[in-house]
Protein backbone atom coordinates (compact mmCIF):
# COMPACT_ATOMS: atom_id res chain seq x y z
CA MET A 1 3.46 16.62 -23.72
CA LYS A 2 -0.41 17.04 -23.58
CA ILE A 3 -2.74 14.74 -21.62
CA GLU A 4 -6.47 14.88 -22.27
CA VAL A 5 -8.73 13.39 -20.05
CA LEU A 6 -11.61 12.23 -22.00
CA GLY A 7 -13.56 10.39 -19.21
CA GLN A 8 -13.72 9.17 -15.80
CA THR A 9 -11.21 6.09 -16.93
CA GLU A 10 -9.91 7.47 -20.50
CA LEU A 11 -7.25 9.47 -21.52
CA ARG A 12 -5.07 10.22 -24.58
CA LEU A 13 -1.43 11.24 -24.45
CA SER A 14 0.62 12.90 -27.34
CA ASP A 15 2.92 16.10 -28.34
CA TRP A 16 5.63 14.19 -26.33
CA GLU A 17 8.64 16.60 -27.30
CA GLU A 18 6.52 19.78 -26.11
CA ASP A 19 8.08 21.25 -23.30
CA GLY A 20 5.99 21.02 -20.05
CA ILE A 21 2.66 19.53 -19.60
CA ASP A 22 -0.44 20.58 -20.96
CA ILE A 23 -3.65 18.78 -19.20
CA MET A 24 -6.98 19.24 -20.74
CA LEU A 25 -9.79 18.26 -18.81
CA GLY A 26 -12.77 18.52 -20.97
CA LYS A 27 -15.81 18.08 -18.98
CA LEU A 28 -14.37 16.55 -15.82
CA PRO A 29 -13.61 19.00 -12.93
CA ARG A 30 -9.95 17.52 -12.11
CA PHE A 31 -7.01 15.34 -13.27
CA SER A 32 -7.56 12.51 -10.86
CA ALA A 33 -4.68 10.65 -9.05
CA LEU A 34 -5.88 7.48 -10.74
CA ALA A 35 -5.57 9.47 -14.23
CA MET A 36 -2.29 10.51 -13.09
CA PHE A 37 -1.03 7.09 -12.29
CA VAL A 38 -2.35 5.94 -15.82
CA ALA A 39 -0.63 8.77 -17.56
CA SER A 40 2.37 8.06 -15.68
CA LEU A 41 2.54 4.59 -17.04
CA GLY A 42 1.73 5.64 -20.69
CA ARG A 43 4.81 8.38 -20.20
CA CYS A 44 7.20 5.62 -18.84
CA THR A 45 6.17 3.37 -21.77
CA PHE A 46 6.77 6.31 -24.03
CA ALA A 47 10.38 6.69 -22.79
CA VAL A 48 11.23 3.17 -23.60
CA ILE A 49 9.61 3.30 -27.16
CA ASP A 50 11.53 6.62 -27.89
CA HIS A 51 14.80 4.79 -27.18
CA TYR A 52 13.68 1.93 -29.17
CA ALA A 53 12.67 4.44 -32.19
CA LEU A 54 16.40 5.96 -32.04
CA ARG A 55 17.97 2.60 -32.48
CA MET A 56 15.67 2.33 -35.70
CA ASP A 57 15.84 6.04 -36.67
CA VAL A 58 11.99 6.06 -36.91
CA PRO A 59 10.27 9.54 -36.00
CA ILE A 60 8.15 9.62 -32.87
CA GLU A 61 6.46 12.93 -33.27
CA ASN A 62 3.06 11.62 -34.52
CA ILE A 63 2.87 9.03 -31.69
CA VAL A 64 -0.51 9.07 -29.82
CA THR A 65 -1.41 6.64 -26.86
CA HIS A 66 -4.68 5.91 -25.65
CA LEU A 67 -5.31 4.64 -22.24
CA GLU A 68 -8.48 3.03 -20.54
CA TRP A 69 -8.84 1.20 -17.38
CA ASP A 70 -11.50 -0.43 -15.00
CA PHE A 71 -11.43 -1.53 -11.59
CA ASP A 72 -11.92 -4.41 -9.34
CA GLU A 73 -13.38 -4.13 -5.78
CA GLU A 74 -12.88 -5.36 -2.46
CA PRO A 75 -10.45 -3.62 -2.15
CA THR A 76 -10.64 -1.11 -4.98
CA ARG A 77 -7.83 -1.52 -6.94
CA PHE A 78 -6.98 -1.49 -11.07
CA LYS A 79 -8.13 -4.26 -12.91
CA THR A 80 -7.08 -3.85 -16.38
CA ILE A 81 -5.06 -1.00 -18.20
CA THR A 82 -5.55 -1.19 -21.97
CA MET A 83 -2.95 0.80 -23.72
CA LYS A 84 -3.13 1.43 -27.62
CA ILE A 85 -0.26 3.22 -29.18
CA TYR A 86 -0.73 4.67 -32.70
CA TRP A 87 2.56 4.71 -34.55
CA PRO A 88 2.00 5.41 -38.25
CA GLU A 89 5.77 5.51 -38.90
CA VAL A 90 6.75 2.11 -37.16
CA PRO A 91 7.79 -0.55 -39.62
CA GLU A 92 5.11 -3.18 -40.14
CA LYS A 93 7.98 -5.80 -39.16
CA ARG A 94 8.83 -4.03 -35.96
CA LEU A 95 5.37 -4.01 -34.31
CA ALA A 96 5.45 -7.13 -32.34
CA SER A 97 9.06 -5.98 -30.98
CA VAL A 98 7.80 -2.78 -30.00
CA GLU A 99 4.60 -4.33 -28.21
CA ARG A 100 7.25 -6.45 -26.40
CA ALA A 101 9.50 -3.53 -25.40
CA SER A 102 6.67 -1.51 -24.30
CA HIS A 103 6.29 -3.71 -21.36
CA LYS A 104 9.94 -2.97 -20.23
CA CYS A 105 9.36 0.50 -18.39
CA ALA A 106 9.68 0.37 -14.79
CA ILE A 107 6.17 1.31 -13.77
CA SER A 108 5.09 -1.68 -15.92
CA ASN A 109 7.39 -4.21 -14.31
CA THR A 110 6.64 -2.88 -10.79
CA ILE A 111 2.42 -3.39 -11.40
CA LYS A 112 2.27 -6.36 -13.84
CA ASP A 113 1.66 -8.99 -11.31
CA CYS A 114 -1.09 -7.18 -9.96
CA VAL A 115 -2.53 -5.04 -12.95
CA GLU A 116 -3.23 -6.56 -16.42
CA ILE A 117 -1.94 -4.38 -19.12
CA LYS A 118 -3.05 -4.83 -22.42
CA THR A 119 -0.76 -3.14 -24.97
CA THR A 120 -1.28 -2.65 -28.45
CA VAL A 121 0.79 -1.35 -31.12
CA LEU A 122 -1.21 0.34 -34.20
CA LYS A 123 0.62 1.54 -37.69
CA GLU A 124 -2.05 3.95 -38.04
CA VAL A 125 -2.62 7.71 -37.41
CA TYR A 126 -5.00 8.15 -34.24
CA LYS A 127 -8.64 9.29 -35.20
CA ALA A 128 -11.03 10.49 -32.17
CA SER A 129 -14.24 8.70 -31.93
């Protein structure tokens, strides 16, 4: 799996079937605990989608997940995590069900009452901005 840290509050996950974890920091000095937490949510969500894809017989190698987050204060905590899942092979008629399934991972279920998680599944190829 590849984790690309794009900024202080933004990362991209891809290459799910690769052995190990390749972390690319860009201009940032380190992979923070907060980025690690958000990456864990992305990986956990992918595990659910991977299971769903097996049942649909749809390939997963082109899935890219882009995550961004922001914070609330007093005390500092995650406020919103926005996850966009780019999956060009997913059938159009399955987009809504994949979005619902994406909220079934253990991390999402654990934090859903205290962090807003906005997930969108897109039937398109990820294009870096």
